[in-house]
């Protein structure tokens, strides 16, 4: 009789072991085999693994080197925790592994993780979606790297929206990134956060204007494990969400009539402050 195991694809978060979700810690603790990449995942997450678990560092292995572990899991009914940095849904190379597991009749499940872009926003104490300033967040990377970008996905085109952008995997070409962001329409004084190894013991987080992005990155000799946050929300103040405005109502709260009338007048005046 064929024995079927299971592979959990676990988001390790940005680095700090205490930013693992409770589910991620539980899954790692129950796994017979824990696969992790020392080049991307902080070793502290292994503290959650069982003492008798098989620990495999995949940092020097292609996917063909991991495949025998999946085959053994299928044959012996083993549980595997495959740990990915950040959230597996973002640049995790997970889909190709899901396809392999499906071919092996392995059960799979994904545990989401905290992405580095939200961790960086927390470190600098900023909200990325500010009312009347930026209500969208674009997650992308600079084209021209190791993996081709699909047609139509260019930093310059995304920059035309002028909203918050999280730029991954682009620090090695900071000059090109700066040029594309400026060409797309971000003003030179647009605030930027440059974050290296966010939440790791050696993290470095600095702020600069977009015009100084390349200089800042090269000054600190950054070329990998670095994320850029770009956009006006990183410096915006003085705006207010209507969610907690006394004139706003929802299923659990009635609006105060006077405050509601004030919001309606503002909307009619074209200020953009009306209820929504």
Protein backbone atom coordinates (compact mmCIF):
# COMPACT_ATOMS: atom_id res chain seq x y z
CA UNK A 1 0.00 0.00 0.00
CA UNK A 2 1.34 3.43 -0.95
CA UNK A 3 2.12 5.75 1.95
CA UNK A 4 1.51 9.46 1.35
CA UNK A 5 3.30 12.18 3.30
CA UNK A 6 2.79 15.90 3.42
CA UNK A 7 4.82 19.01 2.63
CA UNK A 8 4.10 22.27 4.42
CA UNK A 9 5.42 25.41 2.73
CA UNK A 10 6.05 27.70 5.67
CA UNK A 11 6.53 31.46 5.58
CA UNK A 12 9.36 32.31 7.98
CA UNK A 13 8.65 36.02 7.96
CA UNK A 14 11.33 38.69 7.47
CA UNK A 15 13.88 37.19 9.83
CA UNK A 16 13.14 37.48 13.55
CA UNK A 17 12.04 34.09 14.88
CA UNK A 18 9.33 35.63 17.03
CA UNK A 19 7.65 36.97 13.88
CA UNK A 20 6.74 33.43 12.83
CA UNK A 21 3.02 32.80 13.05
CA UNK A 22 1.80 30.39 15.72
CA UNK A 23 0.83 27.96 12.97
CA UNK A 24 4.29 28.16 11.40
CA UNK A 25 5.98 27.37 14.72
CA UNK A 26 3.61 24.44 15.29
CA UNK A 27 4.20 23.01 11.82
CA UNK A 28 7.98 23.27 12.11
CA UNK A 29 7.80 21.60 15.52
CA UNK A 30 5.83 18.66 14.15
CA UNK A 31 7.91 18.03 11.01
CA UNK A 32 10.07 14.96 10.45
CA UNK A 33 12.19 16.87 7.94
CA UNK A 34 12.85 20.63 8.00
CA UNK A 35 14.25 22.19 4.82
CA UNK A 36 15.54 25.74 5.10
CA UNK A 37 17.89 28.03 3.18
CA UNK A 38 20.66 29.45 5.37
CA UNK A 39 21.18 32.21 2.82
CA UNK A 40 17.64 33.55 3.28
CA UNK A 41 16.17 32.30 6.57
CA UNK A 42 17.52 33.15 10.03
CA UNK A 43 18.81 30.14 11.94
CA UNK A 44 16.76 31.04 15.02
CA UNK A 45 13.64 29.59 13.38
CA UNK A 46 15.20 26.13 13.75
CA UNK A 47 14.72 26.42 17.51
CA UNK A 48 11.13 25.35 16.85
CA UNK A 49 12.19 22.06 15.23
CA UNK A 50 12.14 18.73 17.06
CA UNK A 51 15.45 17.49 18.43
CA UNK A 52 15.19 14.36 16.25
CA UNK A 53 14.09 16.17 13.08
CA UNK A 54 16.26 15.90 9.98
CA UNK A 55 17.51 19.42 9.16
CA UNK A 56 18.49 20.11 5.56
CA UNK A 57 20.09 23.36 4.34
CA UNK A 58 18.89 23.92 0.78
CA UNK A 59 20.98 27.03 0.10
CA UNK A 60 23.39 25.06 -2.11
CA UNK A 61 20.79 22.77 -3.66
CA UNK A 62 18.82 23.22 -6.88
CA UNK A 63 15.26 21.96 -6.83
CA UNK A 64 16.57 18.63 -8.14
CA UNK A 65 18.51 18.31 -4.88
CA UNK A 66 15.34 18.74 -2.82
CA UNK A 67 13.24 16.39 -4.95
CA UNK A 68 14.66 13.18 -3.35
CA UNK A 69 13.45 14.42 0.03
CA UNK A 70 9.94 14.86 -1.35
CA UNK A 71 10.08 11.38 -2.89
CA UNK A 72 11.12 9.90 0.45
CA UNK A 73 8.35 11.79 2.21
CA UNK A 74 5.83 10.28 -0.20
CA UNK A 75 7.24 6.76 0.20
CA UNK A 76 7.65 6.82 3.99
CA UNK A 77 4.73 9.03 4.98
CA UNK A 78 6.94 11.79 6.34
CA UNK A 79 5.93 15.35 7.15
CA UNK A 80 8.19 17.99 5.64
CA UNK A 81 8.36 21.67 6.62
CA UNK A 82 9.83 23.61 3.70
CA UNK A 83 10.68 27.03 5.15
CA UNK A 84 10.66 30.06 2.86
CA UNK A 85 11.70 33.60 3.74
CA UNK A 86 8.96 36.20 4.07
CA UNK A 87 5.68 34.99 2.61
CA UNK A 88 5.80 32.01 0.21
CA UNK A 89 3.41 33.78 -2.17
CA UNK A 90 6.01 36.44 -3.03
CA UNK A 91 9.08 35.37 -5.03
CA UNK A 92 9.09 32.06 -3.18
CA UNK A 93 9.60 29.67 -6.14
CA UNK A 94 6.79 27.67 -4.58
CA UNK A 95 4.59 26.90 -7.59
CA UNK A 96 7.17 24.65 -9.23
CA UNK A 97 7.44 22.71 -5.97
CA UNK A 98 3.68 22.41 -5.66
CA UNK A 99 3.67 20.90 -9.14
CA UNK A 100 6.31 18.35 -8.11
CA UNK A 101 4.44 17.44 -4.95
CA UNK A 102 1.26 16.95 -6.96
CA UNK A 103 3.06 14.54 -9.28
CA UNK A 104 4.24 12.59 -6.22
CA UNK A 105 0.73 12.51 -4.71
CA UNK A 106 2.01 14.45 -1.69
CA UNK A 107 -0.45 16.48 0.33
CA UNK A 108 0.55 20.14 0.53
CA UNK A 109 -0.43 23.15 2.57
CA UNK A 110 0.91 26.71 2.70
CA UNK A 111 1.41 28.71 5.88
CA UNK A 112 1.54 32.46 5.16
CA UNK A 113 4.29 34.60 6.63
CA UNK A 114 4.95 38.25 7.42
CA UNK A 115 6.44 39.89 4.34
CA UNK A 116 9.51 42.09 4.65
CA UNK A 117 7.68 45.09 3.19
CA UNK A 118 5.18 45.14 6.07
CA UNK A 119 8.00 44.53 8.55
CA UNK A 120 9.89 47.55 7.20
CA UNK A 121 6.77 49.71 7.42
CA UNK A 122 6.46 48.68 11.07
CA UNK A 123 10.13 49.44 11.76
CA UNK A 124 9.82 53.00 10.47
CA UNK A 125 6.40 53.46 12.04
CA UNK A 126 4.50 54.25 8.86
CA UNK A 127 1.21 53.24 7.27
CA UNK A 128 1.56 52.58 3.55
CA UNK A 129 -2.05 53.46 2.67
CA UNK A 130 -2.79 57.02 3.75
CA UNK A 131 -6.23 58.54 3.01
CA UNK A 132 -6.14 61.02 0.11
CA UNK A 133 -2.41 60.27 -0.45
CA UNK A 134 -1.93 56.60 -1.36
CA UNK A 135 -4.52 53.84 -1.26
CA UNK A 136 -2.61 51.20 -3.20
CA UNK A 137 0.67 49.33 -2.68
CA UNK A 138 2.59 47.98 -5.67
CA UNK A 139 4.90 45.03 -5.00
CA UNK A 140 7.43 44.47 -7.75
CA UNK A 141 11.10 44.21 -8.69
CA UNK A 142 13.35 45.84 -11.23
CA UNK A 143 13.30 44.26 -14.67
CA UNK A 144 16.45 42.84 -16.21
CA UNK A 145 17.46 40.49 -13.41
CA UNK A 146 18.01 36.73 -13.41
CA UNK A 147 14.34 35.97 -14.02
CA UNK A 148 12.69 37.77 -16.96
CA UNK A 149 9.75 40.05 -16.23
CA UNK A 150 6.50 39.51 -18.16
CA UNK A 151 5.74 42.06 -20.91
CA UNK A 152 4.10 45.17 -19.54
CA UNK A 153 5.54 44.86 -16.04
CA UNK A 154 8.09 47.66 -15.76
CA UNK A 155 9.02 49.79 -12.77
CA UNK A 156 8.74 52.92 -14.91
CA UNK A 157 5.13 52.08 -15.79
CA UNK A 158 4.17 51.26 -12.22
CA UNK A 159 5.79 54.49 -11.00
CA UNK A 160 3.30 56.52 -13.03
CA UNK A 161 0.65 55.69 -10.44
CA UNK A 162 2.56 57.72 -7.84
CA UNK A 163 1.39 55.47 -5.01
CA UNK A 164 3.41 53.41 -2.51
CA UNK A 165 5.80 50.94 -4.09
CA UNK A 166 7.80 48.14 -2.48
CA UNK A 167 10.75 47.30 -4.70
CA UNK A 168 12.32 43.91 -4.03
CA UNK A 169 15.49 42.30 -5.44
CA UNK A 170 16.78 45.54 -6.95
CA UNK A 171 19.56 46.88 -4.72
CA UNK A 172 22.38 45.57 -6.93
CA UNK A 173 21.13 47.94 -9.66
CA UNK A 174 20.18 50.93 -7.54
CA UNK A 175 21.14 53.44 -10.23
CA UNK A 176 18.82 51.83 -12.73
CA UNK A 177 16.06 51.62 -10.11
CA UNK A 178 16.42 55.31 -9.31
CA UNK A 179 16.36 56.26 -12.99
CA UNK A 180 13.25 54.18 -13.70
CA UNK A 181 11.36 55.56 -10.69
CA UNK A 182 12.18 59.13 -11.69
CA UNK A 183 11.33 58.50 -15.35
CA UNK A 184 7.98 57.09 -14.28
CA UNK A 185 7.02 60.30 -12.54
CA UNK A 186 8.03 60.18 -8.89
CA UNK A 187 9.44 63.61 -7.95
CA UNK A 188 13.13 63.67 -6.91
CA UNK A 189 12.16 64.52 -3.30
CA UNK A 190 9.90 61.45 -2.96
CA UNK A 191 10.71 59.74 0.35
CA UNK A 192 12.42 56.36 0.21
CA UNK A 193 13.18 53.81 2.92
CA UNK A 194 16.15 51.53 2.26
CA UNK A 195 16.06 48.43 4.46
CA UNK A 196 18.75 45.75 4.70
CA UNK A 197 18.06 42.50 6.59
CA UNK A 198 14.92 43.89 8.25
CA UNK A 199 14.38 42.41 11.75
CA UNK A 200 17.73 40.56 11.64
CA UNK A 201 20.35 41.42 14.30
CA UNK A 202 22.38 43.34 11.70
CA UNK A 203 19.45 45.21 10.16
CA UNK A 204 20.10 48.61 8.62
CA UNK A 205 17.22 50.96 7.82
CA UNK A 206 17.89 54.42 6.38
CA UNK A 207 15.75 57.13 4.81
CA UNK A 208 16.61 59.27 1.82
CA UNK A 209 15.07 61.20 -1.04
CA UNK A 210 14.63 59.36 -4.33
CA UNK A 211 17.28 61.61 -5.92
CA UNK A 212 19.79 60.19 -3.42
CA UNK A 213 18.80 56.51 -3.65
CA UNK A 214 21.81 55.28 -5.64
CA UNK A 215 24.26 57.26 -3.52
CA UNK A 216 22.71 55.98 -0.29
CA UNK A 217 22.77 52.34 -1.38
CA UNK A 218 26.38 52.51 -2.56
CA UNK A 219 27.49 54.41 0.53
CA UNK A 220 26.29 51.51 2.69
CA UNK A 221 27.52 48.90 0.19
CA UNK A 222 24.18 47.20 -0.15
CA UNK A 223 23.50 44.79 -2.97
CA UNK A 224 21.35 41.97 -1.59
CA UNK A 225 18.73 41.34 1.11
CA UNK A 226 17.63 44.95 0.63
CA UNK A 227 14.15 46.36 0.08
CA UNK A 228 13.10 49.83 -1.08
CA UNK A 229 9.85 51.45 0.01
CA UNK A 230 8.99 54.45 -2.16
CA UNK A 231 6.12 56.92 -2.17
CA UNK A 232 4.49 59.99 -0.63
CA UNK A 233 2.77 58.00 2.12
CA UNK A 234 6.15 57.55 3.82
CA UNK A 235 6.12 61.22 4.86
CA UNK A 236 2.41 62.12 4.80
CA UNK A 237 0.65 63.62 7.82
CA UNK A 238 -2.57 65.43 8.55
CA UNK A 239 -5.05 63.16 6.80
CA UNK A 240 -7.83 61.18 8.42
CA UNK A 241 -9.54 57.91 7.65
CA UNK A 242 -13.32 58.09 7.80
CA UNK A 243 -13.54 54.68 9.41
CA UNK A 244 -13.35 56.19 12.90
CA UNK A 245 -14.91 59.55 12.07
CA UNK A 246 -18.04 60.21 14.16
CA UNK A 247 -19.89 60.97 10.94
CA UNK A 248 -19.21 57.53 9.49
CA UNK A 249 -21.59 54.64 10.11
CA UNK A 250 -21.38 50.88 9.69
CA UNK A 251 -23.10 47.74 10.95
CA UNK A 252 -21.92 48.22 14.53
CA UNK A 253 -22.09 51.98 14.92
CA UNK A 254 -24.45 54.80 14.01
CA UNK A 255 -23.16 58.11 12.72
CA UNK A 256 -23.57 61.25 14.77
CA UNK A 257 -26.03 63.40 12.77
CA UNK A 258 -24.06 66.65 12.99
CA UNK A 259 -20.79 64.99 12.03
CA UNK A 260 -22.50 63.14 9.20
CA UNK A 261 -23.93 66.40 7.86
CA UNK A 262 -20.44 67.95 8.03
CA UNK A 263 -19.00 65.14 5.93
CA UNK A 264 -21.80 65.54 3.38
CA UNK A 265 -21.16 69.28 3.09
CA UNK A 266 -17.45 68.67 2.58
CA UNK A 267 -18.19 66.20 -0.18
CA UNK A 268 -20.59 68.55 -1.88
CA UNK A 269 -17.96 71.28 -1.77
CA UNK A 270 -15.64 69.03 -3.72
CA UNK A 271 -12.95 68.76 -1.07
CA UNK A 272 -12.84 64.97 -1.32
CA UNK A 273 -13.60 64.65 2.38
CA UNK A 274 -17.11 63.33 1.96
CA UNK A 275 -18.29 60.00 3.39
CA UNK A 276 -17.19 56.80 1.67
